[in-house]
Amino acid sequence: MLFVMKMHTEENSISSLVSALILAGSITAGQIAFRKLNNGYLNLSEAMKIGLGVTVIGLLIGILYFWFQSTILDPNSIDKLMDIEINKAIDQFPEITDEQIAAVSRSLEWWFSPIPLTAMMLAFGLIIGSIISLVTGLIVKKSRPN
Protein backbone atom coordinates (compact mmCIF):
# COMPACT_ATOMS: atom_id res chain seq x y z
CA MET A 1 0.00 0.00 0.00
CA LEU A 2 2.84 2.40 0.85
CA PHE A 3 4.50 1.63 -2.47
CA VAL A 4 1.32 2.37 -4.43
CA MET A 5 0.95 5.67 -2.56
CA LYS A 6 4.65 6.43 -3.20
CA MET A 7 5.26 6.66 0.55
CA HIS A 8 7.60 3.65 0.81
CA THR A 9 10.71 5.80 1.27
CA GLU A 10 9.20 8.08 3.90
CA GLU A 11 9.61 7.57 7.63
CA ASN A 12 6.20 6.99 9.10
CA SER A 13 5.60 6.01 12.72
CA ILE A 14 2.04 4.90 11.96
CA SER A 15 3.24 2.27 9.45
CA SER A 16 5.77 1.03 12.02
CA LEU A 17 3.03 0.77 14.63
CA VAL A 18 0.74 -1.07 12.21
CA SER A 19 3.57 -3.49 11.37
CA ALA A 20 4.17 -4.17 15.08
CA LEU A 21 0.45 -4.73 15.65
CA ILE A 22 0.27 -7.15 12.71
CA LEU A 23 3.28 -9.02 14.10
CA ALA A 24 1.75 -9.13 17.60
CA GLY A 25 -1.57 -10.36 16.20
CA SER A 26 0.12 -13.04 14.12
CA ILE A 27 2.20 -14.26 17.05
CA THR A 28 -0.80 -14.28 19.37
CA ALA A 29 -2.92 -16.15 16.80
CA GLY A 30 -0.19 -18.79 16.45
CA GLN A 31 0.15 -19.18 20.19
CA ILE A 32 -3.61 -19.49 20.71
CA ALA A 33 -3.92 -22.01 17.86
CA PHE A 34 -1.14 -24.11 19.39
CA ARG A 35 -2.77 -23.91 22.81
CA LYS A 36 -6.08 -25.14 21.35
CA LEU A 37 -4.32 -28.08 19.68
CA ASN A 38 -2.50 -28.87 22.93
CA ASN A 39 -5.63 -29.44 25.05
CA GLY A 40 -5.71 -25.82 26.17
CA TYR A 41 -2.18 -25.73 27.58
CA LEU A 42 0.82 -23.68 26.54
CA ASN A 43 3.99 -23.02 28.51
CA LEU A 44 6.20 -19.99 28.04
CA SER A 45 8.99 -21.79 26.18
CA GLU A 46 6.51 -23.16 23.63
CA ALA A 47 4.98 -19.69 23.27
CA MET A 48 8.44 -18.19 22.64
CA LYS A 49 9.27 -20.84 20.02
CA ILE A 50 6.00 -20.23 18.21
CA GLY A 51 6.45 -16.47 18.40
CA LEU A 52 10.00 -16.59 17.05
CA GLY A 53 8.92 -18.99 14.31
CA VAL A 54 6.17 -16.63 13.21
CA THR A 55 8.65 -13.74 13.42
CA VAL A 56 11.25 -15.49 11.25
CA ILE A 57 8.66 -16.37 8.60
CA GLY A 58 7.38 -12.79 8.58
CA LEU A 59 10.90 -11.40 8.41
CA LEU A 60 11.81 -13.62 5.47
CA ILE A 61 8.69 -12.55 3.59
CA GLY A 62 9.33 -8.89 4.44
CA ILE A 63 12.99 -9.00 3.44
CA LEU A 64 12.23 -10.78 0.15
CA TYR A 65 9.55 -8.21 -0.64
CA PHE A 66 11.88 -5.33 0.32
CA TRP A 67 14.58 -6.56 -2.06
CA PHE A 68 12.01 -7.23 -4.80
CA GLN A 69 10.64 -3.72 -4.36
CA SER A 70 14.04 -2.04 -4.22
CA THR A 71 15.53 -3.90 -7.18
CA ILE A 72 12.58 -4.43 -9.53
CA LEU A 73 9.64 -2.19 -8.63
CA ASP A 74 11.66 0.89 -7.66
CA PRO A 75 15.38 0.45 -8.38
CA ASN A 76 16.09 3.96 -7.06
CA SER A 77 14.57 3.42 -3.61
CA ILE A 78 17.93 2.74 -1.91
CA ASP A 79 19.32 5.95 -3.42
CA LYS A 80 16.22 7.81 -2.21
CA LEU A 81 16.68 6.44 1.30
CA MET A 82 20.36 7.46 1.28
CA ASP A 83 19.45 10.97 0.10
CA ILE A 84 16.91 11.26 2.92
CA GLU A 85 19.57 10.26 5.47
CA ILE A 86 22.14 12.69 4.02
CA ASN A 87 19.58 15.52 4.09
CA LYS A 88 18.79 14.65 7.72
CA ALA A 89 22.50 14.91 8.56
CA ILE A 90 22.73 18.28 6.81
CA ASP A 91 19.63 19.55 8.63
CA GLN A 92 20.91 18.31 11.97
CA PHE A 93 24.45 19.64 11.46
CA PRO A 94 24.28 22.72 9.17
CA GLU A 95 28.03 23.31 9.55
CA ILE A 96 28.89 19.91 8.01
CA THR A 97 31.61 20.07 5.36
CA ASP A 98 31.59 18.52 1.90
CA GLU A 99 34.25 16.01 3.01
CA GLN A 100 32.06 14.96 5.93
CA ILE A 101 29.05 14.62 3.63
CA ALA A 102 31.14 12.41 1.33
CA ALA A 103 32.18 10.30 4.35
CA VAL A 104 28.57 9.96 5.46
CA SER A 105 27.61 8.98 1.91
CA ARG A 106 30.32 6.27 1.77
CA SER A 107 29.20 4.93 5.15
CA LEU A 108 25.57 4.86 4.04
CA GLU A 109 26.52 3.03 0.84
CA TRP A 110 28.00 0.26 2.97
CA TRP A 111 25.06 0.12 5.41
CA PHE A 112 22.54 0.11 2.56
CA SER A 113 24.28 -2.72 0.70
CA PRO A 114 22.45 -6.07 0.71
CA ILE A 115 24.28 -8.00 3.44
CA PRO A 116 24.48 -5.33 6.18
CA LEU A 117 20.94 -4.10 5.54
CA THR A 118 19.51 -7.63 5.58
CA ALA A 119 21.44 -8.47 8.75
CA MET A 120 20.21 -5.28 10.41
CA MET A 121 16.61 -6.03 9.40
CA LEU A 122 16.90 -9.58 10.76
CA ALA A 123 18.51 -8.49 14.04
CA PHE A 124 16.03 -5.70 14.72
CA GLY A 125 13.08 -7.87 13.72
CA LEU A 126 14.19 -10.73 15.96
CA ILE A 127 14.60 -8.40 18.93
CA ILE A 128 11.12 -6.93 18.43
CA GLY A 129 9.67 -10.40 17.78
CA SER A 130 11.29 -11.78 20.95
CA ILE A 131 9.83 -9.00 23.07
CA ILE A 132 6.37 -9.41 21.55
CA SER A 133 6.59 -13.21 21.90
CA LEU A 134 7.50 -12.89 25.57
CA VAL A 135 4.68 -10.47 26.35
CA THR A 136 2.02 -12.37 24.42
CA GLY A 137 3.36 -15.69 25.74
CA LEU A 138 2.97 -14.47 29.31
CA ILE A 139 -0.61 -13.44 28.54
CA VAL A 140 -1.63 -16.56 26.57
CA LYS A 141 0.21 -19.25 28.56
CA LYS A 142 -1.69 -21.79 30.61
CA SER A 143 0.30 -24.32 32.58
CA ARG A 144 -0.76 -27.91 33.14
CA PRO A 145 -1.94 -28.62 36.67
CA ASN A 146 0.46 -30.84 38.60
C-alpha atoms as a PDB file:
ATOM      1  CA  MET A   1       0.000   0.000   0.000  1.00  0.00           C
ATOM      2  CA  LEU A   2       2.845   2.399   0.854  1.00  0.00           C
ATOM      3  CA  PHE A   3       4.500   1.631  -2.474  1.00  0.00           C
ATOM      4  CA  VAL A   4       1.318   2.372  -4.435  1.00  0.00           C
ATOM      5  CA  MET A   5       0.955   5.673  -2.564  1.00  0.00           C
ATOM      6  CA  LYS A   6       4.655   6.433  -3.201  1.00  0.00           C
ATOM      7  CA  MET A   7       5.261   6.664   0.551  1.00  0.00           C
ATOM      8  CA  HIS A   8       7.604   3.654   0.811  1.00  0.00           C
ATOM      9  CA  THR A   9      10.712   5.803   1.272  1.00  0.00           C
ATOM     10  CA  GLU A  10       9.198   8.084   3.900  1.00  0.00           C
ATOM     11  CA  GLU A  11       9.605   7.570   7.629  1.00  0.00           C
ATOM     12  CA  ASN A  12       6.202   6.987   9.099  1.00  0.00           C
ATOM     13  CA  SER A  13       5.600   6.014  12.720  1.00  0.00           C
ATOM     14  CA  ILE A  14       2.045   4.900  11.955  1.00  0.00           C
ATOM     15  CA  SER A  15       3.237   2.270   9.451  1.00  0.00           C
ATOM     16  CA  SER A  16       5.771   1.033  12.023  1.00  0.00           C
ATOM     17  CA  LEU A  17       3.027   0.773  14.633  1.00  0.00           C
ATOM     18  CA  VAL A  18       0.739  -1.065  12.210  1.00  0.00           C
ATOM     19  CA  SER A  19       3.568  -3.487  11.375  1.00  0.00           C
ATOM     20  CA  ALA A  20       4.169  -4.168  15.077  1.00  0.00           C
ATOM     21  CA  LEU A  21       0.452  -4.730  15.651  1.00  0.00           C
ATOM     22  CA  ILE A  22       0.268  -7.145  12.709  1.00  0.00           C
ATOM     23  CA  LEU A  23       3.278  -9.025  14.098  1.00  0.00           C
ATOM     24  CA  ALA A  24       1.753  -9.125  17.597  1.00  0.00           C
ATOM     25  CA  GLY A  25      -1.566 -10.356  16.197  1.00  0.00           C
ATOM     26  CA  SER A  26       0.123 -13.045  14.116  1.00  0.00           C
ATOM     27  CA  ILE A  27       2.201 -14.257  17.053  1.00  0.00           C
ATOM     28  CA  THR A  28      -0.805 -14.285  19.370  1.00  0.00           C
ATOM     29  CA  ALA A  29      -2.921 -16.150  16.801  1.00  0.00           C
ATOM     30  CA  GLY A  30      -0.195 -18.790  16.446  1.00  0.00           C
ATOM     31  CA  GLN A  31       0.149 -19.184  20.195  1.00  0.00           C
ATOM     32  CA  ILE A  32      -3.611 -19.491  20.705  1.00  0.00           C
ATOM     33  CA  ALA A  33      -3.919 -22.013  17.856  1.00  0.00           C
ATOM     34  CA  PHE A  34      -1.140 -24.112  19.385  1.00  0.00           C
ATOM     35  CA  ARG A  35      -2.773 -23.906  22.812  1.00  0.00           C
ATOM     36  CA  LYS A  36      -6.081 -25.143  21.349  1.00  0.00           C
ATOM     37  CA  LEU A  37      -4.322 -28.080  19.682  1.00  0.00           C
ATOM     38  CA  ASN A  38      -2.496 -28.871  22.929  1.00  0.00           C
ATOM     39  CA  ASN A  39      -5.628 -29.438  25.053  1.00  0.00           C
ATOM     40  CA  GLY A  40      -5.707 -25.816  26.171  1.00  0.00           C
ATOM     41  CA  TYR A  41      -2.175 -25.732  27.579  1.00  0.00           C
ATOM     42  CA  LEU A  42       0.824 -23.683  26.536  1.00  0.00           C
ATOM     43  CA  ASN A  43       3.985 -23.017  28.508  1.00  0.00           C
ATOM     44  CA  LEU A  44       6.201 -19.991  28.042  1.00  0.00           C
ATOM     45  CA  SER A  45       8.992 -21.789  26.176  1.00  0.00           C
ATOM     46  CA  GLU A  46       6.511 -23.155  23.630  1.00  0.00           C
ATOM     47  CA  ALA A  47       4.982 -19.693  23.269  1.00  0.00           C
ATOM     48  CA  MET A  48       8.437 -18.190  22.636  1.00  0.00           C
ATOM     49  CA  LYS A  49       9.268 -20.841  20.016  1.00  0.00           C
ATOM     50  CA  ILE A  50       5.998 -20.228  18.209  1.00  0.00           C
ATOM     51  CA  GLY A  51       6.452 -16.467  18.396  1.00  0.00           C
ATOM     52  CA  LEU A  52       9.996 -16.588  17.050  1.00  0.00           C
ATOM     53  CA  GLY A  53       8.922 -18.991  14.310  1.00  0.00           C
ATOM     54  CA  VAL A  54       6.173 -16.630  13.212  1.00  0.00           C
ATOM     55  CA  THR A  55       8.653 -13.736  13.420  1.00  0.00           C
ATOM     56  CA  VAL A  56      11.250 -15.491  11.250  1.00  0.00           C
ATOM     57  CA  ILE A  57       8.662 -16.372   8.597  1.00  0.00           C
ATOM     58  CA  GLY A  58       7.376 -12.791   8.583  1.00  0.00           C
ATOM     59  CA  LEU A  59      10.904 -11.397   8.410  1.00  0.00           C
ATOM     60  CA  LEU A  60      11.814 -13.620   5.467  1.00  0.00           C
ATOM     61  CA  ILE A  61       8.693 -12.554   3.586  1.00  0.00           C
ATOM     62  CA  GLY A  62       9.330  -8.890   4.438  1.00  0.00           C
ATOM     63  CA  ILE A  63      12.990  -9.005   3.438  1.00  0.00           C
ATOM     64  CA  LEU A  64      12.232 -10.780   0.153  1.00  0.00           C
ATOM     65  CA  TYR A  65       9.555  -8.213  -0.638  1.00  0.00           C
ATOM     66  CA  PHE A  66      11.875  -5.328   0.320  1.00  0.00           C
ATOM     67  CA  TRP A  67      14.581  -6.560  -2.061  1.00  0.00           C
ATOM     68  CA  PHE A  68      12.005  -7.229  -4.804  1.00  0.00           C
ATOM     69  CA  GLN A  69      10.639  -3.721  -4.360  1.00  0.00           C
ATOM     70  CA  SER A  70      14.039  -2.039  -4.223  1.00  0.00           C
ATOM     71  CA  THR A  71      15.525  -3.898  -7.183  1.00  0.00           C
ATOM     72  CA  ILE A  72      12.582  -4.428  -9.534  1.00  0.00           C
ATOM     73  CA  LEU A  73       9.635  -2.190  -8.634  1.00  0.00           C
ATOM     74  CA  ASP A  74      11.662   0.894  -7.665  1.00  0.00           C
ATOM     75  CA  PRO A  75      15.383   0.447  -8.376  1.00  0.00           C
ATOM     76  CA  ASN A  76      16.092   3.962  -7.062  1.00  0.00           C
ATOM     77  CA  SER A  77      14.565   3.416  -3.612  1.00  0.00           C
ATOM     78  CA  ILE A  78      17.925   2.740  -1.908  1.00  0.00           C
ATOM     79  CA  ASP A  79      19.322   5.951  -3.415  1.00  0.00           C
ATOM     80  CA  LYS A  80      16.216   7.814  -2.212  1.00  0.00           C
ATOM     81  CA  LEU A  81      16.682   6.437   1.304  1.00  0.00           C
ATOM     82  CA  MET A  82      20.355   7.462   1.280  1.00  0.00           C
ATOM     83  CA  ASP A  83      19.446  10.970   0.103  1.00  0.00           C
ATOM     84  CA  ILE A  84      16.912  11.260   2.922  1.00  0.00           C
ATOM     85  CA  GLU A  85      19.567  10.265   5.473  1.00  0.00           C
ATOM     86  CA  ILE A  86      22.139  12.692   4.019  1.00  0.00           C
ATOM     87  CA  ASN A  87      19.582  15.519   4.093  1.00  0.00           C
ATOM     88  CA  LYS A  88      18.791  14.653   7.718  1.00  0.00           C
ATOM     89  CA  ALA A  89      22.498  14.908   8.564  1.00  0.00           C
ATOM     90  CA  ILE A  90      22.733  18.278   6.806  1.00  0.00           C
ATOM     91  CA  ASP A  91      19.631  19.553   8.627  1.00  0.00           C
ATOM     92  CA  GLN A  92      20.912  18.309  11.969  1.00  0.00           C
ATOM     93  CA  PHE A  93      24.446  19.642  11.460  1.00  0.00           C
ATOM     94  CA  PRO A  94      24.278  22.715   9.167  1.00  0.00           C
ATOM     95  CA  GLU A  95      28.032  23.314   9.547  1.00  0.00           C
ATOM     96  CA  ILE A  96      28.890  19.913   8.011  1.00  0.00           C
ATOM     97  CA  THR A  97      31.614  20.074   5.365  1.00  0.00           C
ATOM     98  CA  ASP A  98      31.592  18.516   1.901  1.00  0.00           C
ATOM     99  CA  GLU A  99      34.248  16.013   3.015  1.00  0.00           C
ATOM    100  CA  GLN A 100      32.055  14.957   5.930  1.00  0.00           C
ATOM    101  CA  ILE A 101      29.050  14.615   3.628  1.00  0.00           C
ATOM    102  CA  ALA A 102      31.144  12.412   1.334  1.00  0.00           C
ATOM    103  CA  ALA A 103      32.184  10.295   4.347  1.00  0.00           C
ATOM    104  CA  VAL A 104      28.565   9.956   5.458  1.00  0.00           C
ATOM    105  CA  SER A 105      27.609   8.978   1.907  1.00  0.00           C
ATOM    106  CA  ARG A 106      30.318   6.271   1.770  1.00  0.00           C
ATOM    107  CA  SER A 107      29.196   4.931   5.146  1.00  0.00           C
ATOM    108  CA  LEU A 108      25.567   4.859   4.040  1.00  0.00           C
ATOM    109  CA  GLU A 109      26.519   3.027   0.837  1.00  0.00           C
ATOM    110  CA  TRP A 110      27.997   0.260   2.968  1.00  0.00           C
ATOM    111  CA  TRP A 111      25.058   0.125   5.410  1.00  0.00           C
ATOM    112  CA  PHE A 112      22.536   0.108   2.563  1.00  0.00           C
ATOM    113  CA  SER A 113      24.278  -2.717   0.699  1.00  0.00           C
ATOM    114  CA  PRO A 114      22.447  -6.073   0.713  1.00  0.00           C
ATOM    115  CA  ILE A 115      24.282  -7.999   3.440  1.00  0.00           C
ATOM    116  CA  PRO A 116      24.478  -5.332   6.183  1.00  0.00           C
ATOM    117  CA  LEU A 117      20.943  -4.101   5.544  1.00  0.00           C
ATOM    118  CA  THR A 118      19.506  -7.625   5.576  1.00  0.00           C
ATOM    119  CA  ALA A 119      21.440  -8.472   8.747  1.00  0.00           C
ATOM    120  CA  MET A 120      20.210  -5.283  10.408  1.00  0.00           C
ATOM    121  CA  MET A 121      16.613  -6.027   9.403  1.00  0.00           C
ATOM    122  CA  LEU A 122      16.903  -9.575  10.758  1.00  0.00           C
ATOM    123  CA  ALA A 123      18.507  -8.493  14.038  1.00  0.00           C
ATOM    124  CA  PHE A 124      16.027  -5.699  14.715  1.00  0.00           C
ATOM    125  CA  GLY A 125      13.080  -7.873  13.721  1.00  0.00           C
ATOM    126  CA  LEU A 126      14.193 -10.733  15.960  1.00  0.00           C
ATOM    127  CA  ILE A 127      14.603  -8.398  18.930  1.00  0.00           C
ATOM    128  CA  ILE A 128      11.124  -6.932  18.429  1.00  0.00           C
ATOM    129  CA  GLY A 129       9.671 -10.400  17.781  1.00  0.00           C
ATOM    130  CA  SER A 130      11.290 -11.775  20.952  1.00  0.00           C
ATOM    131  CA  ILE A 131       9.829  -8.996  23.068  1.00  0.00           C
ATOM    132  CA  ILE A 132       6.372  -9.406  21.555  1.00  0.00           C
ATOM    133  CA  SER A 133       6.588 -13.212  21.897  1.00  0.00           C
ATOM    134  CA  LEU A 134       7.505 -12.894  25.566  1.00  0.00           C
ATOM    135  CA  VAL A 135       4.684 -10.466  26.349  1.00  0.00           C
ATOM    136  CA  THR A 136       2.022 -12.367  24.416  1.00  0.00           C
ATOM    137  CA  GLY A 137       3.356 -15.688  25.744  1.00  0.00           C
ATOM    138  CA  LEU A 138       2.969 -14.467  29.314  1.00  0.00           C
ATOM    139  CA  ILE A 139      -0.608 -13.436  28.537  1.00  0.00           C
ATOM    140  CA  VAL A 140      -1.628 -16.564  26.567  1.00  0.00           C
ATOM    141  CA  LYS A 141       0.211 -19.252  28.564  1.00  0.00           C
ATOM    142  CA  LYS A 142      -1.686 -21.789  30.610  1.00  0.00           C
ATOM    143  CA  SER A 143       0.297 -24.316  32.577  1.00  0.00           C
ATOM    144  CA  ARG A 144      -0.758 -27.905  33.138  1.00  0.00           C
ATOM    145  CA  PRO A 145      -1.939 -28.619  36.668  1.00  0.00           C
ATOM    146  CA  ASN A 146       0.462 -30.844  38.598  1.00  0.00           C
END
